[in-house]
Amino acid sequence: KQAEQAIQKLLHKVSKEAGIVENIKRCKAIEGVGDLTATGLATAFMRGEFANGDAFI
């Protein structure tokens, strides 16, 4: 439990620094997507060059 809380705290800190908090919030709105998955999705989307959201999927 403590490790999970530490990871979530670190993810939030790094996300703020990277400026992707809003993208993570949007991803977390998807049912079943938590902090770790949302952070991964937001990061992957920012790293790639996609014409639109459908091209990402």
Protein backbone atom coordinates (compact mmCIF):
# COMPACT_ATOMS: atom_id res chain seq x y z
CA LYS A 1 0.00 0.00 0.00
CA GLN A 2 2.80 2.43 0.87
CA ALA A 3 4.66 1.62 -2.33
CA GLU A 4 1.51 2.26 -4.38
CA GLN A 5 0.98 5.63 -2.69
CA ALA A 6 4.62 6.57 -3.27
CA ILE A 7 4.32 5.69 -6.97
CA GLN A 8 1.12 7.74 -7.35
CA LYS A 9 2.74 10.71 -5.61
CA LEU A 10 5.79 10.49 -7.88
CA LEU A 11 3.63 10.13 -11.00
CA HIS A 12 1.67 13.24 -10.04
CA LYS A 13 4.86 15.25 -9.43
CA VAL A 14 6.45 14.21 -12.72
CA SER A 15 3.18 14.79 -14.61
CA LYS A 16 2.95 18.33 -13.27
CA GLU A 17 6.54 19.03 -14.30
CA ALA A 18 5.88 17.64 -17.79
CA GLY A 19 2.65 19.64 -18.16
CA ILE A 20 0.48 16.61 -18.93
CA VAL A 21 -1.89 16.68 -15.96
CA GLU A 22 -4.91 17.67 -18.08
CA ASN A 23 -4.21 14.91 -20.61
CA ILE A 24 -3.97 12.40 -17.77
CA LYS A 25 -7.30 13.59 -16.35
CA ARG A 26 -8.93 13.02 -19.74
CA CYS A 27 -7.49 9.52 -19.97
CA LYS A 28 -8.62 8.69 -16.43
CA ALA A 29 -12.19 9.56 -17.46
CA ILE A 30 -12.16 6.31 -19.45
CA GLU A 31 -13.65 3.50 -17.37
CA GLY A 32 -10.96 1.15 -16.08
CA VAL A 33 -8.04 3.52 -16.70
CA GLY A 34 -6.08 4.41 -13.58
CA ASP A 35 -3.14 6.65 -12.80
CA LEU A 36 -0.41 4.47 -14.27
CA THR A 37 -2.24 3.64 -17.50
CA ALA A 38 -3.38 7.23 -17.99
CA THR A 39 0.16 8.50 -17.52
CA GLY A 40 1.45 5.97 -20.03
CA LEU A 41 -1.20 6.91 -22.59
CA ALA A 42 -0.60 10.65 -22.18
CA THR A 43 3.15 10.19 -22.48
CA ALA A 44 2.89 7.95 -25.54
CA PHE A 45 0.53 10.36 -27.27
CA MET A 46 2.88 13.28 -26.67
CA ARG A 47 5.90 11.38 -27.99
CA GLY A 48 4.32 10.43 -31.29
CA GLU A 49 3.21 12.44 -34.26
CA PHE A 50 -0.39 11.53 -34.97
CA ALA A 51 -2.78 13.23 -37.36
CA ASN A 52 -5.57 12.83 -34.77
CA GLY A 53 -6.68 10.70 -31.82
CA ASP A 54 -7.92 7.91 -34.09
CA ALA A 55 -4.46 7.52 -35.62
CA PHE A 56 -3.09 6.91 -32.13
CA ILE A 57 -5.44 4.00 -31.55
